[in-house]
Amino acid sequence: MDIFHKVFITLKIRIYMVGGSRKPQTKIFRDFEIETPSGDVKTLKEIVICCPICHSSHVGNHGTRKRGNTQVQIYQCKNPNCAFLKHANQGKQFTIYSSLMVKSIVNHYLHEILAK
């Protein structure tokens, strides 16, 4: 292969990589398992992950963080109108465990179980 073909192939690869297409933003759903005081394990299906600041479901995965001996998924708010962006350059980063909405859903579910 001569030098012209090598340069052409390299340029062609770079052209396709520049400005890659963005993924469409979709809601993120997660399942939760809750162990009750009696030892029963209950599963909450398809809980929507939302920003703890603006309560928008426009969130995306933002890597993982080490917590104890495990890895915890980090999410970031992608809502351009989030109140957190008034004080920061990027959206709010949070874990599921710090989300008040998820905590309130779990507490509501536990109260339903205990009321029965």
N, C-alpha and C. Protein backbone atom coordinates (compact mmCIF):
# COMPACT_ATOMS: atom_id res chain seq x y z
N MET A 1 0.85 -1.16 0.00
CA MET A 1 0.00 0.00 0.00
C MET A 1 0.91 1.23 0.00
N ASP A 2 0.63 2.16 -0.90
CA ASP A 2 1.48 3.36 -0.96
C ASP A 2 1.05 4.37 0.11
N ILE A 3 1.84 5.43 0.26
CA ILE A 3 1.62 6.43 1.31
C ILE A 3 0.29 7.16 1.14
N PHE A 4 -0.17 7.36 -0.10
CA PHE A 4 -1.43 8.06 -0.34
C PHE A 4 -2.61 7.30 0.29
N HIS A 5 -2.65 5.99 0.10
CA HIS A 5 -3.75 5.19 0.64
C HIS A 5 -3.73 5.18 2.17
N LYS A 6 -2.53 5.12 2.78
CA LYS A 6 -2.44 5.14 4.24
C LYS A 6 -2.97 6.45 4.80
N VAL A 7 -2.61 7.57 4.19
CA VAL A 7 -3.07 8.88 4.65
C VAL A 7 -4.58 9.01 4.45
N PHE A 8 -5.08 8.53 3.32
CA PHE A 8 -6.51 8.62 3.03
C PHE A 8 -7.32 7.81 4.05
N ILE A 9 -6.86 6.61 4.36
CA ILE A 9 -7.57 5.77 5.33
C ILE A 9 -7.56 6.44 6.70
N THR A 10 -6.41 7.01 7.10
CA THR A 10 -6.32 7.69 8.39
C THR A 10 -7.27 8.87 8.45
N LEU A 11 -7.33 9.67 7.39
CA LEU A 11 -8.23 10.82 7.36
C LEU A 11 -9.69 10.38 7.41
N LYS A 12 -9.98 9.30 6.72
CA LYS A 12 -11.34 8.80 6.70
C LYS A 12 -11.79 8.38 8.10
N ILE A 13 -10.91 7.72 8.84
CA ILE A 13 -11.22 7.30 10.20
C ILE A 13 -11.45 8.51 11.09
N ARG A 14 -10.62 9.53 10.97
CA ARG A 14 -10.76 10.72 11.80
C ARG A 14 -12.04 11.48 11.48
N ILE A 15 -12.41 11.52 10.23
CA ILE A 15 -13.64 12.22 9.85
C ILE A 15 -14.85 11.57 10.52
N TYR A 16 -14.88 10.26 10.57
CA TYR A 16 -16.00 9.57 11.19
C TYR A 16 -16.02 9.75 12.70
N MET A 17 -14.86 9.95 13.33
CA MET A 17 -14.80 10.06 14.78
C MET A 17 -15.10 11.48 15.28
N VAL A 18 -14.88 12.49 14.46
CA VAL A 18 -15.07 13.87 14.91
C VAL A 18 -16.55 14.14 15.14
N GLY A 19 -16.87 14.73 16.28
CA GLY A 19 -18.26 15.12 16.56
C GLY A 19 -19.21 13.95 16.55
N GLY A 20 -18.88 12.90 17.26
CA GLY A 20 -19.73 11.72 17.29
C GLY A 20 -21.15 12.04 17.69
N SER A 21 -22.06 11.23 17.25
CA SER A 21 -23.47 11.48 17.55
C SER A 21 -23.73 11.30 19.04
N ARG A 22 -24.65 12.08 19.57
CA ARG A 22 -25.00 11.99 20.98
C ARG A 22 -26.10 10.95 21.16
N LYS A 23 -26.03 10.27 22.29
CA LYS A 23 -27.06 9.30 22.60
C LYS A 23 -28.35 10.04 22.96
N PRO A 24 -29.48 9.52 22.55
CA PRO A 24 -30.73 10.15 22.99
C PRO A 24 -30.89 9.95 24.49
N GLN A 25 -31.34 10.99 25.18
CA GLN A 25 -31.50 10.93 26.63
C GLN A 25 -32.76 10.16 26.98
N THR A 26 -32.62 9.12 27.75
CA THR A 26 -33.75 8.32 28.18
C THR A 26 -33.76 8.25 29.70
N LYS A 27 -34.90 7.91 30.27
CA LYS A 27 -34.99 7.76 31.71
C LYS A 27 -34.21 6.53 32.14
N ILE A 28 -33.61 6.61 33.32
CA ILE A 28 -32.86 5.48 33.86
C ILE A 28 -33.72 4.84 34.94
N PHE A 29 -33.95 3.55 34.80
CA PHE A 29 -34.74 2.78 35.76
C PHE A 29 -33.83 1.81 36.50
N ARG A 30 -34.04 1.64 37.78
CA ARG A 30 -33.29 0.67 38.57
C ARG A 30 -34.26 -0.10 39.46
N ASP A 31 -33.92 -1.35 39.73
CA ASP A 31 -34.68 -2.18 40.67
C ASP A 31 -33.97 -2.15 42.02
N PHE A 32 -34.73 -2.17 43.09
CA PHE A 32 -34.17 -2.16 44.44
C PHE A 32 -34.67 -3.36 45.20
N GLU A 33 -33.78 -3.93 46.00
CA GLU A 33 -34.18 -5.00 46.91
C GLU A 33 -34.12 -4.45 48.32
N ILE A 34 -35.20 -4.65 49.07
CA ILE A 34 -35.29 -4.17 50.44
C ILE A 34 -35.48 -5.38 51.35
N GLU A 35 -34.66 -5.44 52.38
CA GLU A 35 -34.82 -6.51 53.36
C GLU A 35 -35.56 -5.95 54.56
N THR A 36 -36.71 -6.54 54.86
CA THR A 36 -37.53 -6.07 55.97
C THR A 36 -36.95 -6.59 57.28
N PRO A 37 -37.37 -6.01 58.41
CA PRO A 37 -36.87 -6.48 59.71
C PRO A 37 -37.13 -7.97 59.96
N SER A 38 -38.18 -8.51 59.36
CA SER A 38 -38.49 -9.94 59.54
C SER A 38 -37.63 -10.84 58.66
N GLY A 39 -36.81 -10.24 57.78
CA GLY A 39 -35.93 -11.03 56.92
C GLY A 39 -36.46 -11.24 55.52
N ASP A 40 -37.68 -10.79 55.23
CA ASP A 40 -38.23 -10.92 53.88
C ASP A 40 -37.51 -9.94 52.94
N VAL A 41 -37.30 -10.38 51.71
CA VAL A 41 -36.68 -9.52 50.71
C VAL A 41 -37.75 -9.12 49.70
N LYS A 42 -37.97 -7.83 49.57
CA LYS A 42 -38.95 -7.29 48.62
C LYS A 42 -38.21 -6.56 47.52
N THR A 43 -38.75 -6.62 46.31
CA THR A 43 -38.13 -5.95 45.17
C THR A 43 -39.03 -4.83 44.68
N LEU A 44 -38.46 -3.64 44.57
CA LEU A 44 -39.16 -2.51 43.96
C LEU A 44 -38.72 -2.47 42.51
N LYS A 45 -39.64 -2.56 41.59
CA LYS A 45 -39.33 -2.63 40.17
C LYS A 45 -39.35 -1.26 39.52
N GLU A 46 -38.37 -1.02 38.66
CA GLU A 46 -38.31 0.14 37.77
C GLU A 46 -38.57 1.47 38.46
N ILE A 47 -37.72 1.81 39.42
CA ILE A 47 -37.76 3.12 40.06
C ILE A 47 -36.98 4.08 39.17
N VAL A 48 -37.57 5.23 38.84
CA VAL A 48 -36.91 6.22 37.98
C VAL A 48 -35.89 6.99 38.80
N ILE A 49 -34.67 7.12 38.28
CA ILE A 49 -33.62 7.88 38.94
C ILE A 49 -33.78 9.35 38.55
N CYS A 50 -33.87 10.23 39.55
CA CYS A 50 -34.09 11.67 39.32
C CYS A 50 -33.04 12.49 40.05
N CYS A 51 -32.82 13.69 39.58
CA CYS A 51 -31.89 14.64 40.20
C CYS A 51 -32.43 15.04 41.57
N PRO A 52 -31.60 15.05 42.62
CA PRO A 52 -32.08 15.45 43.94
C PRO A 52 -32.35 16.95 44.05
N ILE A 53 -31.84 17.76 43.12
CA ILE A 53 -32.03 19.21 43.17
C ILE A 53 -33.29 19.63 42.42
N CYS A 54 -33.38 19.26 41.13
CA CYS A 54 -34.50 19.73 40.30
C CYS A 54 -35.56 18.66 40.06
N HIS A 55 -35.33 17.44 40.53
CA HIS A 55 -36.25 16.31 40.38
C HIS A 55 -36.53 15.96 38.92
N SER A 56 -35.59 16.28 38.04
CA SER A 56 -35.71 15.94 36.63
C SER A 56 -35.24 14.51 36.41
N SER A 57 -35.85 13.83 35.46
CA SER A 57 -35.40 12.48 35.12
C SER A 57 -34.34 12.51 34.02
N HIS A 58 -33.87 13.70 33.67
CA HIS A 58 -32.78 13.84 32.69
C HIS A 58 -31.45 13.64 33.41
N VAL A 59 -31.09 12.40 33.68
CA VAL A 59 -29.83 12.09 34.33
C VAL A 59 -29.09 11.07 33.49
N GLY A 60 -27.78 11.03 33.67
CA GLY A 60 -26.96 10.07 32.95
C GLY A 60 -25.95 9.43 33.88
N ASN A 61 -25.42 8.29 33.49
CA ASN A 61 -24.38 7.64 34.28
C ASN A 61 -23.13 8.50 34.25
N HIS A 62 -22.42 8.55 35.38
CA HIS A 62 -21.21 9.37 35.47
C HIS A 62 -20.10 8.62 36.19
N GLY A 63 -19.98 7.33 35.91
CA GLY A 63 -18.90 6.53 36.50
C GLY A 63 -19.30 5.90 37.81
N THR A 64 -18.27 5.43 38.53
CA THR A 64 -18.49 4.79 39.81
C THR A 64 -17.59 5.40 40.87
N ARG A 65 -17.94 5.19 42.12
CA ARG A 65 -17.15 5.68 43.25
C ARG A 65 -17.03 4.54 44.25
N LYS A 66 -15.87 4.46 44.87
CA LYS A 66 -15.66 3.41 45.87
C LYS A 66 -16.31 3.83 47.19
N ARG A 67 -17.11 2.94 47.74
CA ARG A 67 -17.74 3.17 49.04
C ARG A 67 -17.60 1.89 49.84
N GLY A 68 -16.74 1.94 50.84
CA GLY A 68 -16.46 0.73 51.62
C GLY A 68 -15.75 -0.29 50.75
N ASN A 69 -16.29 -1.48 50.69
CA ASN A 69 -15.71 -2.55 49.86
C ASN A 69 -16.42 -2.71 48.53
N THR A 70 -17.32 -1.81 48.19
CA THR A 70 -18.09 -1.94 46.96
C THR A 70 -17.93 -0.71 46.08
N GLN A 71 -18.41 -0.81 44.87
CA GLN A 71 -18.45 0.31 43.93
C GLN A 71 -19.89 0.81 43.85
N VAL A 72 -20.07 2.12 43.86
CA VAL A 72 -21.39 2.72 43.81
C VAL A 72 -21.51 3.52 42.51
N GLN A 73 -22.62 3.34 41.79
CA GLN A 73 -22.85 4.07 40.54
C GLN A 73 -23.12 5.54 40.83
N ILE A 74 -22.46 6.43 40.06
CA ILE A 74 -22.67 7.87 40.19
C ILE A 74 -23.50 8.32 39.00
N TYR A 75 -24.43 9.22 39.25
CA TYR A 75 -25.27 9.80 38.20
C TYR A 75 -25.03 11.30 38.17
N GLN A 76 -25.32 11.91 37.02
CA GLN A 76 -25.17 13.36 36.88
C GLN A 76 -26.41 13.92 36.20
N CYS A 77 -26.90 15.06 36.73
CA CYS A 77 -28.07 15.71 36.16
C CYS A 77 -27.71 16.32 34.81
N LYS A 78 -28.51 16.08 33.80
CA LYS A 78 -28.28 16.61 32.46
C LYS A 78 -29.29 17.70 32.09
N ASN A 79 -30.12 18.11 33.04
CA ASN A 79 -31.12 19.13 32.81
C ASN A 79 -30.45 20.50 32.75
N PRO A 80 -30.53 21.22 31.61
CA PRO A 80 -29.87 22.53 31.51
C PRO A 80 -30.50 23.59 32.40
N ASN A 81 -31.70 23.37 32.89
CA ASN A 81 -32.38 24.34 33.75
C ASN A 81 -32.28 23.99 35.23
N CYS A 82 -31.41 23.08 35.59
CA CYS A 82 -31.25 22.67 36.98
C CYS A 82 -30.71 23.84 37.81
N ALA A 83 -31.28 24.05 38.98
CA ALA A 83 -30.87 25.15 39.85
C ALA A 83 -29.42 25.00 40.30
N PHE A 84 -28.90 23.78 40.32
CA PHE A 84 -27.51 23.56 40.72
C PHE A 84 -26.54 24.21 39.75
N LEU A 85 -26.92 24.35 38.47
CA LEU A 85 -26.03 24.93 37.46
C LEU A 85 -25.81 26.42 37.65
N LYS A 86 -26.59 27.08 38.49
CA LYS A 86 -26.35 28.49 38.76
C LYS A 86 -25.05 28.68 39.53
N HIS A 87 -24.62 27.65 40.26
CA HIS A 87 -23.43 27.75 41.11
C HIS A 87 -22.30 26.85 40.63
N ALA A 88 -22.51 26.07 39.57
CA ALA A 88 -21.50 25.12 39.12
C ALA A 88 -21.50 25.03 37.60
N ASN A 89 -20.40 24.51 37.06
CA ASN A 89 -20.28 24.37 35.60
C ASN A 89 -20.96 23.11 35.08
N GLN A 90 -21.02 22.07 35.90
CA GLN A 90 -21.60 20.80 35.48
C GLN A 90 -22.81 20.47 36.34
N GLY A 91 -23.59 19.51 35.87
CA GLY A 91 -24.77 19.10 36.61
C GLY A 91 -24.42 18.42 37.92
N LYS A 92 -25.37 18.34 38.82
CA LYS A 92 -25.19 17.74 40.14
C LYS A 92 -24.85 16.27 40.00
N GLN A 93 -23.77 15.83 40.67
CA GLN A 93 -23.40 14.43 40.72
C GLN A 93 -23.97 13.84 42.01
N PHE A 94 -24.56 12.66 41.91
CA PHE A 94 -25.18 12.05 43.08
C PHE A 94 -25.23 10.55 42.94
N THR A 95 -25.44 9.89 44.06
CA THR A 95 -25.65 8.44 44.07
C THR A 95 -27.11 8.18 44.40
N ILE A 96 -27.54 6.98 44.19
CA ILE A 96 -28.92 6.62 44.52
C ILE A 96 -29.14 6.76 46.02
N TYR A 97 -28.13 6.43 46.80
CA TYR A 97 -28.27 6.44 48.25
C TYR A 97 -28.45 7.84 48.81
N SER A 98 -28.02 8.87 48.06
CA SER A 98 -28.18 10.25 48.54
C SER A 98 -29.43 10.91 47.97
N SER A 99 -30.14 10.22 47.09
CA SER A 99 -31.33 10.78 46.47
C SER A 99 -32.51 10.72 47.44
N LEU A 100 -33.03 11.88 47.80
CA LEU A 100 -34.16 11.93 48.74
C LEU A 100 -35.41 11.30 48.14
N MET A 101 -35.56 11.40 46.82
CA MET A 101 -36.75 10.83 46.19
C MET A 101 -36.75 9.31 46.33
N VAL A 102 -35.60 8.69 46.10
CA VAL A 102 -35.52 7.23 46.24
C VAL A 102 -35.76 6.85 47.70
N LYS A 103 -35.19 7.61 48.62
CA LYS A 103 -35.41 7.32 50.04
C LYS A 103 -36.88 7.44 50.41
N SER A 104 -37.56 8.44 49.87
CA SER A 104 -38.98 8.60 50.19
C SER A 104 -39.81 7.46 49.60
N ILE A 105 -39.46 6.98 48.40
CA ILE A 105 -40.17 5.85 47.80
C ILE A 105 -39.98 4.60 48.65
N VAL A 106 -38.75 4.36 49.09
CA VAL A 106 -38.47 3.19 49.92
C VAL A 106 -39.21 3.30 51.25
N ASN A 107 -39.18 4.48 51.87
CA ASN A 107 -39.90 4.66 53.15
C ASN A 107 -41.41 4.45 52.98
N HIS A 108 -41.97 4.96 51.89
CA HIS A 108 -43.40 4.79 51.62
C HIS A 108 -43.73 3.30 51.48
N TYR A 109 -42.88 2.59 50.75
CA TYR A 109 -43.10 1.16 50.54
C TYR A 109 -43.01 0.40 51.86
N LEU A 110 -42.03 0.76 52.69
CA LEU A 110 -41.88 0.09 53.98
C LEU A 110 -43.07 0.36 54.89
N HIS A 111 -43.60 1.58 54.87
CA HIS A 111 -44.78 1.89 55.67
C HIS A 111 -45.99 1.08 55.20
N GLU A 112 -46.10 0.86 53.89
CA GLU A 112 -47.20 0.03 53.37
C GLU A 112 -47.07 -1.41 53.86
N ILE A 113 -45.84 -1.91 53.86
CA ILE A 113 -45.61 -3.30 54.30
C ILE A 113 -45.92 -3.43 55.79
N LEU A 114 -45.43 -2.48 56.58
CA LEU A 114 -45.62 -2.56 58.03
C LEU A 114 -47.07 -2.32 58.44
N ALA A 115 -47.83 -1.59 57.61
CA ALA A 115 -49.23 -1.32 57.93
C ALA A 115 -50.11 -2.56 57.72
N LYS A 116 -49.65 -3.51 56.93
CA LYS A 116 -50.46 -4.71 56.64
C LYS A 116 -50.49 -5.67 57.80
